[in-house]
Structures are given as C-alpha cells and as structure tokens.
Amino acid sequence: MTNRDMGLALLVVTIWGASFTVIRLGLDGVPPMLLAAMRFALAAVPAVFFVRRPAIELRYLIGYGLLVGVGQFGCLFYAMHIGMPAGLASVVLQSQAFFTLALAAIFLKESVSTSQVIGVVVAACGLFLIAQGGSGPGFAALPLGALLLCLAGAAFWGGSNIIVRKASVAAMQRGESVNMFSLVVWSSLVPPIPLLVLALQLDSLQTMKVAVSHIDVASILVFFYLSFCATLFGFGAWSSLLSRYPTASVAPLSLLVPVTGLLTASVVLDEHLSWLQWGGCLAVLCGLAITTFGLPRKSMRVRGVVP
C-alpha cells in the first residue's frame, strides 16, 4: 500500500472512530431516532441519483437497510442516548465480528476454529469488565440497558454481514459483483421512515416539532459529518482501497476504529474510564485480533463445526 493510500485508510478509521463522539454531541440537541433518520436520509439523497443501484435482489437491499439503519444504528443511538459512553460504544460495537462468526456458522455453515472460540471468550471477559468497571468510587455505573442495546446493535450489524455474503454469492452466480458503496447509498433509502415511526413512539410529536424547529448550526454539522464524512466519504474511500489492495492488507486497519473512538471521546468529551474498563477494552480488542488473525500456533478445528 502506498503512503498516500495508507494515509487515506488512517483518515477513514479516524473519521469512523470520531463519529461516536459526534453522535454523542448530536444527541444533545436531536432525539436519537430522528438523528439516525436524518443521517440516512442525507446519505441517500441526492447520492442515489448519481450512483448506480447495486447488483443485488430487492429483498437483500431492504434487509440490509433495515438491519443496519434501524437495527444497528437505531440501537446504537438510543444506547448512547440513555447513557452508553461514546468511547465504550466504539469498542462494544466491534463485537459484531463475534456475532458475524456465530451467525455465519449457523446460517452459512462456515468454519469456527479454536482460535476464534478463544477470541470470543477473551472478548466476552472484556465486556464483563466493561460492564462492572464503572462501579467504583468516582465512576458512574454503566447502565445495563445501554450496554445490552449496544450489543444488540452489534448483533444486527453481524446479521447485515450475513446478508452481504448471501447477496455476494447470488451476484457471483450471475457473473456480477456487489459494490459496497452503492449498497450503502441505496440501502440508506430504507431506514428513514421506520426510524421516524420509532421516533414518534419514543418521543411525542411535540418533542419532534420542537427539535426540528430548534435545529442549530451544531446539529447541521453533525448531520453533515455522519452522512457525508462517515458514510459517503468513509465507505467510498474504504471500498476504493478494498478494490485495489488485498483484503488482508486493508481490513485489519479497521481495528484502529475503537482506538480512535476512545481517544476522541477522551479528548473532546472528557470521558474517563476506570482501570477495569480500560482492561476490558484491551481484552475486547485482543479477542477481536485473535478472532481475525488467529493464534501464533496452528489452530485446531472445533469438532462438529464445518471446517
């Protein structure tokens, strides 16, 4: 990878990591479901008029949009609304890798190695430390509901990955390929209406009217960042890198997202974690690394699971 493209990759992971802090700032002035709806509405329009529709079936397009937009980000935004710190959210959401692994084993009959199982166990221990680490003196306890919602968001993300795999296989059988940037743009048409329906269920119509009438410059900048920087530029640049370099050279850099997420939240929001929570974050990242790269020694296959 050239120095220029390495710099581009690092810029993308920094933007993605910082987006958790931006979400937290946006929630100060806009209800969570309305903020999520605006993110996807602006990501879809006007981009859909300039980007070709992805080569996947409509059911996959709608399913992906619902799982990512309503499931993943709906849960994430509401989790942060009720108390999930931005930095911890950037770490916990990475558990999508483990949900993807489990769902792929169930629905796609993909292999699960011993190293992957170990990675999941290590990460689970990390999540336990994150949940318990804020109970000491001077640290606010992490709301259990917020943590569970963030994990639910990760599970929906994992489900969306399965849809992408199935859609990619179907496209390959037709001699086509799935353009991820195109998929992100077109699937962004799906979430806004369901998210607005949820917004009206969670907040009154009057609350929505007040929020819309009082949208300020800060909120507009949040919309712009999440829609254009994190979504369109981020996925556009990442897709470009994946098209020009082996996946093994690009994908591991995404492990830096929670690192930049923690650093940004610490600097901008002055978030403080207990030592147990820092240890939990490290354990989650180690578990993710083990799951992604395996153990140094040759891993054994789990008996009874497709190799």
C-alpha atoms as a PDB file:
ATOM      1  CA  MET A   1       0.000   0.000   0.000  1.00  0.00           C
ATOM      2  CA  THR A   2       1.385   3.420  -0.953  1.00  0.00           C
ATOM      3  CA  ASN A   3       1.966   6.074   1.699  1.00  0.00           C
ATOM      4  CA  ARG A   4      -0.887   8.097   0.232  1.00  0.00           C
ATOM      5  CA  ASP A   5      -3.352   5.212   0.447  1.00  0.00           C
ATOM      6  CA  MET A   6      -2.147   4.293   3.932  1.00  0.00           C
ATOM      7  CA  GLY A   7      -2.838   7.884   4.946  1.00  0.00           C
ATOM      8  CA  LEU A   8      -6.296   7.637   3.361  1.00  0.00           C
ATOM      9  CA  ALA A   9      -7.035   4.428   5.293  1.00  0.00           C
ATOM     10  CA  LEU A  10      -5.918   6.010   8.568  1.00  0.00           C
ATOM     11  CA  LEU A  11      -8.072   9.064   7.825  1.00  0.00           C
ATOM     12  CA  VAL A  12     -11.113   6.846   7.300  1.00  0.00           C
ATOM     13  CA  VAL A  13     -10.657   4.884  10.550  1.00  0.00           C
ATOM     14  CA  THR A  14     -10.117   8.160  12.390  1.00  0.00           C
ATOM     15  CA  ILE A  15     -13.342   9.594  10.934  1.00  0.00           C
ATOM     16  CA  TRP A  16     -15.228   6.426  11.861  1.00  0.00           C
ATOM     17  CA  GLY A  17     -13.807   6.400  15.378  1.00  0.00           C
ATOM     18  CA  ALA A  18     -14.579  10.083  15.926  1.00  0.00           C
ATOM     19  CA  SER A  19     -18.150   9.577  14.671  1.00  0.00           C
ATOM     20  CA  PHE A  20     -19.113   8.103  18.063  1.00  0.00           C
ATOM     21  CA  THR A  21     -18.168  11.383  19.722  1.00  0.00           C
ATOM     22  CA  VAL A  22     -20.060  13.286  17.017  1.00  0.00           C
ATOM     23  CA  ILE A  23     -23.141  11.141  17.679  1.00  0.00           C
ATOM     24  CA  ARG A  24     -22.903  11.964  21.384  1.00  0.00           C
ATOM     25  CA  LEU A  25     -22.728  15.684  20.575  1.00  0.00           C
ATOM     26  CA  GLY A  26     -25.655  15.387  18.167  1.00  0.00           C
ATOM     27  CA  LEU A  27     -27.835  13.704  20.768  1.00  0.00           C
ATOM     28  CA  ASP A  28     -27.617  16.810  22.941  1.00  0.00           C
ATOM     29  CA  GLY A  29     -29.936  18.631  20.538  1.00  0.00           C
ATOM     30  CA  VAL A  30     -31.751  15.979  18.492  1.00  0.00           C
ATOM     31  CA  PRO A  31     -33.715  12.874  19.660  1.00  0.00           C
ATOM     32  CA  PRO A  32     -31.882   9.613  18.797  1.00  0.00           C
ATOM     33  CA  MET A  33     -34.238   8.154  16.183  1.00  0.00           C
ATOM     34  CA  LEU A  34     -34.637  11.493  14.440  1.00  0.00           C
ATOM     35  CA  LEU A  35     -30.854  11.896  14.324  1.00  0.00           C
ATOM     36  CA  ALA A  36     -30.490   8.412  12.836  1.00  0.00           C
ATOM     37  CA  ALA A  37     -33.228   9.091  10.285  1.00  0.00           C
ATOM     38  CA  MET A  38     -31.528  12.311   9.192  1.00  0.00           C
ATOM     39  CA  ARG A  39     -28.195  10.521   8.850  1.00  0.00           C
ATOM     40  CA  PHE A  40     -29.564   8.029   6.350  1.00  0.00           C
ATOM     41  CA  ALA A  41     -31.844  10.452   4.532  1.00  0.00           C
ATOM     42  CA  LEU A  42     -28.922  12.760   3.762  1.00  0.00           C
ATOM     43  CA  ALA A  43     -26.687   9.821   2.854  1.00  0.00           C
ATOM     44  CA  ALA A  44     -29.267   8.609   0.322  1.00  0.00           C
ATOM     45  CA  VAL A  45     -30.385  11.880  -1.266  1.00  0.00           C
ATOM     46  CA  PRO A  46     -29.106  13.155  -3.623  1.00  0.00           C
ATOM     47  CA  ALA A  47     -26.469  10.383  -3.950  1.00  0.00           C
ATOM     48  CA  VAL A  48     -28.961   7.826  -5.318  1.00  0.00           C
ATOM     49  CA  PHE A  49     -29.392   9.984  -8.437  1.00  0.00           C
ATOM     50  CA  PHE A  50     -25.698   9.652  -9.260  1.00  0.00           C
ATOM     51  CA  VAL A  51     -24.829   6.149  -8.029  1.00  0.00           C
ATOM     52  CA  ARG A  52     -25.909   3.041  -9.882  1.00  0.00           C
ATOM     53  CA  ARG A  53     -28.109   0.619  -7.960  1.00  0.00           C
ATOM     54  CA  PRO A  54     -26.137  -2.357  -6.571  1.00  0.00           C
ATOM     55  CA  ALA A  55     -26.440  -5.707  -8.320  1.00  0.00           C
ATOM     56  CA  ILE A  56     -28.461  -7.423  -5.592  1.00  0.00           C
ATOM     57  CA  GLU A  57     -32.040  -8.540  -5.180  1.00  0.00           C
ATOM     58  CA  LEU A  58     -34.524  -6.097  -3.650  1.00  0.00           C
ATOM     59  CA  ARG A  59     -35.063  -8.310  -0.591  1.00  0.00           C
ATOM     60  CA  TYR A  60     -31.358  -8.167   0.238  1.00  0.00           C
ATOM     61  CA  LEU A  61     -31.300  -4.401  -0.257  1.00  0.00           C
ATOM     62  CA  ILE A  62     -34.272  -3.883   2.060  1.00  0.00           C
ATOM     63  CA  GLY A  63     -32.987  -6.413   4.598  1.00  0.00           C
ATOM     64  CA  TYR A  64     -29.572  -4.765   4.719  1.00  0.00           C
ATOM     65  CA  GLY A  65     -31.120  -1.319   5.126  1.00  0.00           C
ATOM     66  CA  LEU A  66     -33.344  -2.456   7.983  1.00  0.00           C
ATOM     67  CA  LEU A  67     -30.615  -4.336   9.840  1.00  0.00           C
ATOM     68  CA  VAL A  68     -28.025  -1.581   9.539  1.00  0.00           C
ATOM     69  CA  GLY A  69     -30.190   1.523   9.690  1.00  0.00           C
ATOM     70  CA  VAL A  70     -32.949   0.517  12.107  1.00  0.00           C
ATOM     71  CA  GLY A  71     -31.196  -2.308  13.934  1.00  0.00           C
ATOM     72  CA  GLN A  72     -27.542  -1.357  14.243  1.00  0.00           C
ATOM     73  CA  PHE A  73     -27.717   2.425  14.353  1.00  0.00           C
ATOM     74  CA  GLY A  74     -31.155   2.642  15.944  1.00  0.00           C
ATOM     75  CA  CYS A  75     -29.902   0.571  18.881  1.00  0.00           C
ATOM     76  CA  LEU A  76     -26.560   2.390  18.995  1.00  0.00           C
ATOM     77  CA  PHE A  77     -28.064   5.878  19.000  1.00  0.00           C
ATOM     78  CA  TYR A  78     -30.617   5.011  21.674  1.00  0.00           C
ATOM     79  CA  ALA A  79     -27.990   3.212  23.777  1.00  0.00           C
ATOM     80  CA  MET A  80     -25.868   6.373  23.748  1.00  0.00           C
ATOM     81  CA  HIS A  81     -28.974   8.443  24.483  1.00  0.00           C
ATOM     82  CA  ILE A  82     -29.595   6.503  27.720  1.00  0.00           C
ATOM     83  CA  GLY A  83     -26.031   6.507  28.949  1.00  0.00           C
ATOM     84  CA  MET A  84     -23.605   4.487  26.809  1.00  0.00           C
ATOM     85  CA  PRO A  85     -20.322   6.466  26.676  1.00  0.00           C
ATOM     86  CA  ALA A  86     -19.068   7.218  23.167  1.00  0.00           C
ATOM     87  CA  GLY A  87     -15.651   5.654  23.698  1.00  0.00           C
ATOM     88  CA  LEU A  88     -17.011   2.419  25.134  1.00  0.00           C
ATOM     89  CA  ALA A  89     -19.641   2.261  22.389  1.00  0.00           C
ATOM     90  CA  SER A  90     -16.869   2.277  19.775  1.00  0.00           C
ATOM     91  CA  VAL A  91     -15.349  -0.790  21.461  1.00  0.00           C
ATOM     92  CA  VAL A  92     -18.516  -2.744  22.281  1.00  0.00           C
ATOM     93  CA  LEU A  93     -19.897  -2.337  18.771  1.00  0.00           C
ATOM     94  CA  GLN A  94     -16.860  -4.209  17.437  1.00  0.00           C
ATOM     95  CA  SER A  95     -18.358  -7.357  18.946  1.00  0.00           C
ATOM     96  CA  GLN A  96     -20.179  -7.520  15.599  1.00  0.00           C
ATOM     97  CA  ALA A  97     -17.262  -9.680  14.498  1.00  0.00           C
ATOM     98  CA  PHE A  98     -18.247 -12.353  17.004  1.00  0.00           C
ATOM     99  CA  PHE A  99     -21.932 -12.175  16.111  1.00  0.00           C
ATOM    100  CA  THR A 100     -20.963 -12.454  12.441  1.00  0.00           C
ATOM    101  CA  LEU A 101     -18.888 -15.529  13.270  1.00  0.00           C
ATOM    102  CA  ALA A 102     -21.772 -17.195  15.141  1.00  0.00           C
ATOM    103  CA  LEU A 103     -24.391 -16.310  12.522  1.00  0.00           C
ATOM    104  CA  ALA A 104     -22.136 -17.481   9.685  1.00  0.00           C
ATOM    105  CA  ALA A 105     -21.661 -20.816  11.440  1.00  0.00           C
ATOM    106  CA  ILE A 106     -25.428 -21.212  11.871  1.00  0.00           C
ATOM    107  CA  PHE A 107     -26.760 -19.940   8.550  1.00  0.00           C
ATOM    108  CA  LEU A 108     -23.824 -20.333   6.168  1.00  0.00           C
ATOM    109  CA  LYS A 109     -22.222 -23.414   7.755  1.00  0.00           C
ATOM    110  CA  GLU A 110     -18.862 -21.651   7.860  1.00  0.00           C
ATOM    111  CA  SER A 111     -15.942 -22.918   9.921  1.00  0.00           C
ATOM    112  CA  VAL A 112     -15.166 -21.981  13.506  1.00  0.00           C
ATOM    113  CA  SER A 113     -11.604 -22.574  14.698  1.00  0.00           C
ATOM    114  CA  THR A 114     -10.315 -22.958  18.220  1.00  0.00           C
ATOM    115  CA  SER A 115      -8.582 -19.585  17.971  1.00  0.00           C
ATOM    116  CA  GLN A 116     -11.887 -17.952  17.068  1.00  0.00           C
ATOM    117  CA  VAL A 117     -13.608 -19.545  20.053  1.00  0.00           C
ATOM    118  CA  ILE A 118     -10.783 -18.325  22.300  1.00  0.00           C
ATOM    119  CA  GLY A 119     -11.126 -14.853  20.811  1.00  0.00           C
ATOM    120  CA  VAL A 120     -14.839 -14.800  21.621  1.00  0.00           C
ATOM    121  CA  VAL A 121     -14.193 -15.921  25.222  1.00  0.00           C
ATOM    122  CA  VAL A 122     -11.484 -13.271  25.719  1.00  0.00           C
ATOM    123  CA  ALA A 123     -13.773 -10.566  24.324  1.00  0.00           C
ATOM    124  CA  ALA A 124     -16.680 -11.744  26.498  1.00  0.00           C
ATOM    125  CA  CYS A 125     -14.459 -11.370  29.567  1.00  0.00           C
ATOM    126  CA  GLY A 126     -13.614  -7.885  28.361  1.00  0.00           C
ATOM    127  CA  LEU A 127     -17.284  -6.968  28.046  1.00  0.00           C
ATOM    128  CA  PHE A 128     -17.853  -8.193  31.598  1.00  0.00           C
ATOM    129  CA  LEU A 129     -15.058  -5.933  32.853  1.00  0.00           C
ATOM    130  CA  ILE A 130     -16.516  -3.005  30.908  1.00  0.00           C
ATOM    131  CA  ALA A 131     -19.913  -3.580  32.497  1.00  0.00           C
ATOM    132  CA  GLN A 132     -18.516  -3.916  36.033  1.00  0.00           C
ATOM    133  CA  GLY A 133     -15.610  -1.485  35.881  1.00  0.00           C
ATOM    134  CA  GLY A 134     -17.596   1.692  36.350  1.00  0.00           C
ATOM    135  CA  SER A 135     -18.994   0.770  39.737  1.00  0.00           C
ATOM    136  CA  GLY A 136     -16.042   2.036  41.775  1.00  0.00           C
ATOM    137  CA  PRO A 137     -15.795   5.377  43.592  1.00  0.00           C
ATOM    138  CA  GLY A 138     -15.698   8.352  41.244  1.00  0.00           C
ATOM    139  CA  PHE A 139     -17.029   6.449  38.229  1.00  0.00           C
ATOM    140  CA  ALA A 140     -20.612   6.341  37.019  1.00  0.00           C
ATOM    141  CA  ALA A 141     -22.037   2.855  36.632  1.00  0.00           C
ATOM    142  CA  LEU A 142     -22.674   1.820  33.036  1.00  0.00           C
ATOM    143  CA  PRO A 143     -26.441   1.356  32.525  1.00  0.00           C
ATOM    144  CA  LEU A 144     -27.141  -2.296  31.765  1.00  0.00           C
ATOM    145  CA  GLY A 145     -29.842  -1.367  29.263  1.00  0.00           C
ATOM    146  CA  ALA A 146     -27.418   0.817  27.342  1.00  0.00           C
ATOM    147  CA  LEU A 147     -24.846  -1.976  27.185  1.00  0.00           C
ATOM    148  CA  LEU A 148     -27.414  -4.531  26.039  1.00  0.00           C
ATOM    149  CA  LEU A 149     -28.735  -2.177  23.362  1.00  0.00           C
ATOM    150  CA  CYS A 150     -25.199  -1.586  22.090  1.00  0.00           C
ATOM    151  CA  LEU A 151     -24.669  -5.344  21.921  1.00  0.00           C
ATOM    152  CA  ALA A 152     -27.991  -5.677  20.091  1.00  0.00           C
ATOM    153  CA  GLY A 153     -26.712  -3.123  17.580  1.00  0.00           C
ATOM    154  CA  ALA A 154     -23.595  -5.244  17.101  1.00  0.00           C
ATOM    155  CA  ALA A 155     -25.797  -8.318  16.567  1.00  0.00           C
ATOM    156  CA  PHE A 156     -27.808  -6.505  13.879  1.00  0.00           C
ATOM    157  CA  TRP A 157     -24.528  -5.474  12.248  1.00  0.00           C
ATOM    158  CA  GLY A 158     -23.496  -9.116  12.240  1.00  0.00           C
ATOM    159  CA  GLY A 159     -26.789 -10.017  10.598  1.00  0.00           C
ATOM    160  CA  SER A 160     -26.228  -7.417   7.894  1.00  0.00           C
ATOM    161  CA  ASN A 161     -22.841  -9.006   7.156  1.00  0.00           C
ATOM    162  CA  ILE A 162     -24.595 -12.325   6.524  1.00  0.00           C
ATOM    163  CA  ILE A 163     -26.952 -10.624   4.086  1.00  0.00           C
ATOM    164  CA  VAL A 164     -23.965  -9.140   2.231  1.00  0.00           C
ATOM    165  CA  ARG A 165     -22.371 -12.586   1.994  1.00  0.00           C
ATOM    166  CA  LYS A 166     -25.552 -14.174   0.636  1.00  0.00           C
ATOM    167  CA  ALA A 167     -26.111 -11.295  -1.790  1.00  0.00           C
ATOM    168  CA  SER A 168     -22.494 -11.532  -2.985  1.00  0.00           C
ATOM    169  CA  VAL A 169     -22.833 -15.266  -3.669  1.00  0.00           C
ATOM    170  CA  ALA A 170     -26.054 -14.697  -5.604  1.00  0.00           C
ATOM    171  CA  ALA A 171     -24.401 -11.906  -7.610  1.00  0.00           C
ATOM    172  CA  MET A 172     -21.375 -14.078  -8.402  1.00  0.00           C
ATOM    173  CA  GLN A 173     -23.653 -16.789  -9.739  1.00  0.00           C
ATOM    174  CA  ARG A 174     -24.971 -14.208 -12.200  1.00  0.00           C
ATOM    175  CA  GLY A 175     -21.455 -13.127 -13.114  1.00  0.00           C
ATOM    176  CA  GLU A 176     -21.762  -9.830 -11.211  1.00  0.00           C
ATOM    177  CA  SER A 177     -20.289  -8.323  -8.051  1.00  0.00           C
ATOM    178  CA  VAL A 178     -21.699  -6.212  -5.214  1.00  0.00           C
ATOM    179  CA  ASN A 179     -20.414  -2.653  -4.961  1.00  0.00           C
ATOM    180  CA  MET A 180     -20.451  -1.848  -1.245  1.00  0.00           C
ATOM    181  CA  PHE A 181     -20.533   1.913  -1.708  1.00  0.00           C
ATOM    182  CA  SER A 182     -23.545   1.573  -3.982  1.00  0.00           C
ATOM    183  CA  LEU A 183     -25.171  -0.753  -1.443  1.00  0.00           C
ATOM    184  CA  VAL A 184     -24.634   1.777   1.360  1.00  0.00           C
ATOM    185  CA  VAL A 185     -26.143   4.610  -0.682  1.00  0.00           C
ATOM    186  CA  TRP A 186     -29.216   2.742  -1.937  1.00  0.00           C
ATOM    187  CA  SER A 187     -29.914   0.922   1.330  1.00  0.00           C
ATOM    188  CA  SER A 188     -29.939   4.311   3.063  1.00  0.00           C
ATOM    189  CA  LEU A 189     -33.333   4.878   1.442  1.00  0.00           C
ATOM    190  CA  VAL A 190     -34.820   2.165   3.682  1.00  0.00           C
ATOM    191  CA  PRO A 191     -34.271   3.313   7.310  1.00  0.00           C
ATOM    192  CA  PRO A 192     -35.641   6.893   7.469  1.00  0.00           C
ATOM    193  CA  ILE A 193     -39.372   6.068   7.557  1.00  0.00           C
ATOM    194  CA  PRO A 194     -39.122   3.174  10.084  1.00  0.00           C
ATOM    195  CA  LEU A 195     -36.822   5.338  12.221  1.00  0.00           C
ATOM    196  CA  LEU A 196     -39.295   8.222  12.137  1.00  0.00           C
ATOM    197  CA  VAL A 197     -42.065   5.835  13.201  1.00  0.00           C
ATOM    198  CA  LEU A 198     -39.897   4.725  16.119  1.00  0.00           C
ATOM    199  CA  ALA A 199     -39.140   8.364  16.925  1.00  0.00           C
ATOM    200  CA  LEU A 200     -42.849   9.080  17.310  1.00  0.00           C
ATOM    201  CA  GLN A 201     -43.223   6.043  19.568  1.00  0.00           C
ATOM    202  CA  LEU A 202     -40.326   7.054  21.828  1.00  0.00           C
ATOM    203  CA  ASP A 203     -40.962  10.801  21.826  1.00  0.00           C
ATOM    204  CA  SER A 204     -44.102  12.859  21.373  1.00  0.00           C
ATOM    205  CA  LEU A 205     -44.928  14.662  18.157  1.00  0.00           C
ATOM    206  CA  GLN A 206     -44.489  17.925  20.044  1.00  0.00           C
ATOM    207  CA  THR A 207     -40.961  16.902  21.030  1.00  0.00           C
ATOM    208  CA  MET A 208     -40.184  16.210  17.376  1.00  0.00           C
ATOM    209  CA  LYS A 209     -41.564  19.582  16.313  1.00  0.00           C
ATOM    210  CA  VAL A 210     -39.532  21.403  18.950  1.00  0.00           C
ATOM    211  CA  ALA A 211     -36.371  19.518  17.971  1.00  0.00           C
ATOM    212  CA  VAL A 212     -36.827  20.324  14.278  1.00  0.00           C
ATOM    213  CA  SER A 213     -37.660  23.981  14.919  1.00  0.00           C
ATOM    214  CA  HIS A 214     -34.597  24.407  17.131  1.00  0.00           C
ATOM    215  CA  ILE A 215     -32.013  22.683  14.941  1.00  0.00           C
ATOM    216  CA  ASP A 216     -28.895  24.830  15.150  1.00  0.00           C
ATOM    217  CA  VAL A 217     -25.595  25.033  13.293  1.00  0.00           C
ATOM    218  CA  ALA A 218     -24.033  22.413  15.555  1.00  0.00           C
ATOM    219  CA  SER A 219     -26.759  19.894  14.693  1.00  0.00           C
ATOM    220  CA  ILE A 220     -26.397  20.630  10.976  1.00  0.00           C
ATOM    221  CA  LEU A 221     -22.654  19.993  11.236  1.00  0.00           C
ATOM    222  CA  VAL A 222     -23.402  16.676  12.976  1.00  0.00           C
ATOM    223  CA  PHE A 223     -25.768  15.694  10.150  1.00  0.00           C
ATOM    224  CA  PHE A 224     -23.116  16.615   7.596  1.00  0.00           C
ATOM    225  CA  TYR A 225     -20.367  14.688   9.383  1.00  0.00           C
ATOM    226  CA  LEU A 226     -22.377  11.495   9.870  1.00  0.00           C
ATOM    227  CA  SER A 227     -23.916  11.484   6.388  1.00  0.00           C
ATOM    228  CA  PHE A 228     -21.144  12.758   4.152  1.00  0.00           C
ATOM    229  CA  CYS A 229     -17.907  12.205   6.069  1.00  0.00           C
ATOM    230  CA  ALA A 230     -18.557   8.958   7.965  1.00  0.00           C
ATOM    231  CA  THR A 231     -20.944   7.349   5.474  1.00  0.00           C
ATOM    232  CA  LEU A 232     -20.322   8.535   1.918  1.00  0.00           C
ATOM    233  CA  PHE A 233     -16.645   9.505   2.100  1.00  0.00           C
ATOM    234  CA  GLY A 234     -15.774   6.759   4.589  1.00  0.00           C
ATOM    235  CA  PHE A 235     -17.359   3.876   2.707  1.00  0.00           C
ATOM    236  CA  GLY A 236     -16.405   5.324  -0.656  1.00  0.00           C
ATOM    237  CA  ALA A 237     -12.716   5.540   0.258  1.00  0.00           C
ATOM    238  CA  TRP A 238     -12.753   2.161   2.015  1.00  0.00           C
ATOM    239  CA  SER A 239     -14.400   0.464  -0.965  1.00  0.00           C
ATOM    240  CA  SER A 240     -11.798   2.043  -3.239  1.00  0.00           C
ATOM    241  CA  LEU A 241      -8.969   0.668  -1.096  1.00  0.00           C
ATOM    242  CA  LEU A 242     -10.535  -2.804  -0.994  1.00  0.00           C
ATOM    243  CA  SER A 243     -10.841  -2.786  -4.791  1.00  0.00           C
ATOM    244  CA  ARG A 244      -7.129  -2.020  -5.245  1.00  0.00           C
ATOM    245  CA  TYR A 245      -5.477  -3.984  -2.435  1.00  0.00           C
ATOM    246  CA  PRO A 246      -5.889  -7.461  -0.899  1.00  0.00           C
ATOM    247  CA  THR A 247      -8.486  -7.568   1.859  1.00  0.00           C
ATOM    248  CA  ALA A 248      -5.816  -8.800   4.290  1.00  0.00           C
ATOM    249  CA  SER A 249      -3.925  -5.531   3.778  1.00  0.00           C
ATOM    250  CA  VAL A 250      -6.892  -3.229   4.360  1.00  0.00           C
ATOM    251  CA  ALA A 251      -9.407  -4.898   6.689  1.00  0.00           C
ATOM    252  CA  PRO A 252      -7.106  -5.207   9.768  1.00  0.00           C
ATOM    253  CA  LEU A 253      -6.778  -1.410   9.873  1.00  0.00           C
ATOM    254  CA  SER A 254     -10.419  -1.253  10.989  1.00  0.00           C
ATOM    255  CA  LEU A 255      -9.163  -2.490  14.383  1.00  0.00           C
ATOM    256  CA  LEU A 256      -7.991   1.097  14.891  1.00  0.00           C
ATOM    257  CA  VAL A 257     -11.579   2.414  14.893  1.00  0.00           C
ATOM    258  CA  PRO A 258     -12.195   1.745  18.614  1.00  0.00           C
ATOM    259  CA  VAL A 259      -8.733   3.142  19.404  1.00  0.00           C
ATOM    260  CA  THR A 260      -9.529   6.442  17.693  1.00  0.00           C
ATOM    261  CA  GLY A 261     -13.014   6.275  19.210  1.00  0.00           C
ATOM    262  CA  LEU A 262     -11.633   6.055  22.750  1.00  0.00           C
ATOM    263  CA  LEU A 263      -9.036   8.773  22.171  1.00  0.00           C
ATOM    264  CA  THR A 264     -11.523  11.181  20.595  1.00  0.00           C
ATOM    265  CA  ALA A 265     -14.081  10.680  23.366  1.00  0.00           C
ATOM    266  CA  SER A 266     -11.385  11.213  25.973  1.00  0.00           C
ATOM    267  CA  VAL A 267     -10.164  14.472  24.412  1.00  0.00           C
ATOM    268  CA  VAL A 268     -13.454  16.004  23.259  1.00  0.00           C
ATOM    269  CA  LEU A 269     -15.938  14.679  25.810  1.00  0.00           C
ATOM    270  CA  ASP A 270     -13.515  14.251  28.700  1.00  0.00           C
ATOM    271  CA  GLU A 271     -14.741  10.684  29.224  1.00  0.00           C
ATOM    272  CA  HIS A 272     -12.897   8.816  31.948  1.00  0.00           C
ATOM    273  CA  LEU A 273     -12.746   5.042  32.225  1.00  0.00           C
ATOM    274  CA  SER A 274     -11.787   3.023  35.263  1.00  0.00           C
ATOM    275  CA  TRP A 275      -8.757   0.745  35.075  1.00  0.00           C
ATOM    276  CA  LEU A 276     -11.107  -2.237  34.860  1.00  0.00           C
ATOM    277  CA  GLN A 277     -12.864  -0.697  31.869  1.00  0.00           C
ATOM    278  CA  TRP A 278      -9.560   0.037  30.140  1.00  0.00           C
ATOM    279  CA  GLY A 279      -8.637  -3.591  30.787  1.00  0.00           C
ATOM    280  CA  GLY A 280     -11.978  -4.663  29.348  1.00  0.00           C
ATOM    281  CA  CYS A 281     -11.397  -2.572  26.213  1.00  0.00           C
ATOM    282  CA  LEU A 282      -7.968  -4.149  25.789  1.00  0.00           C
ATOM    283  CA  ALA A 283      -9.466  -7.624  26.219  1.00  0.00           C
ATOM    284  CA  VAL A 284     -12.137  -6.948  23.585  1.00  0.00           C
ATOM    285  CA  LEU A 285      -9.508  -5.726  21.115  1.00  0.00           C
ATOM    286  CA  CYS A 286      -7.275  -8.728  21.873  1.00  0.00           C
ATOM    287  CA  GLY A 287     -10.221 -11.059  21.364  1.00  0.00           C
ATOM    288  CA  LEU A 288     -11.006  -9.358  18.073  1.00  0.00           C
ATOM    289  CA  ALA A 289      -7.368  -9.658  16.966  1.00  0.00           C
ATOM    290  CA  ILE A 290      -7.270 -13.358  17.897  1.00  0.00           C
ATOM    291  CA  THR A 291     -10.509 -13.983  16.019  1.00  0.00           C
ATOM    292  CA  THR A 292      -9.235 -12.104  12.960  1.00  0.00           C
ATOM    293  CA  PHE A 293      -5.624 -13.288  12.789  1.00  0.00           C
ATOM    294  CA  GLY A 294      -5.665 -16.492  14.847  1.00  0.00           C
ATOM    295  CA  LEU A 295      -3.129 -17.666  17.406  1.00  0.00           C
ATOM    296  CA  PRO A 296       0.587 -17.912  16.588  1.00  0.00           C
ATOM    297  CA  ARG A 297       0.455 -21.701  16.580  1.00  0.00           C
ATOM    298  CA  LYS A 298      -1.650 -23.678  14.147  1.00  0.00           C
ATOM    299  CA  SER A 299      -5.208 -23.644  15.392  1.00  0.00           C
ATOM    300  CA  MET A 300      -7.336 -26.757  15.814  1.00  0.00           C
ATOM    301  CA  ARG A 301     -10.850 -27.030  14.405  1.00  0.00           C
ATOM    302  CA  VAL A 302     -13.853 -27.356  16.665  1.00  0.00           C
ATOM    303  CA  ARG A 303     -15.264 -30.829  16.311  1.00  0.00           C
ATOM    304  CA  GLY A 304     -18.745 -30.875  14.822  1.00  0.00           C
ATOM    305  CA  VAL A 305     -18.438 -27.470  13.113  1.00  0.00           C
ATOM    306  CA  VAL A 306     -17.866 -27.275   9.367  1.00  0.00           C
ATOM    307  CA  PRO A 307     -14.097 -26.647   8.766  1.00  0.00           C
END
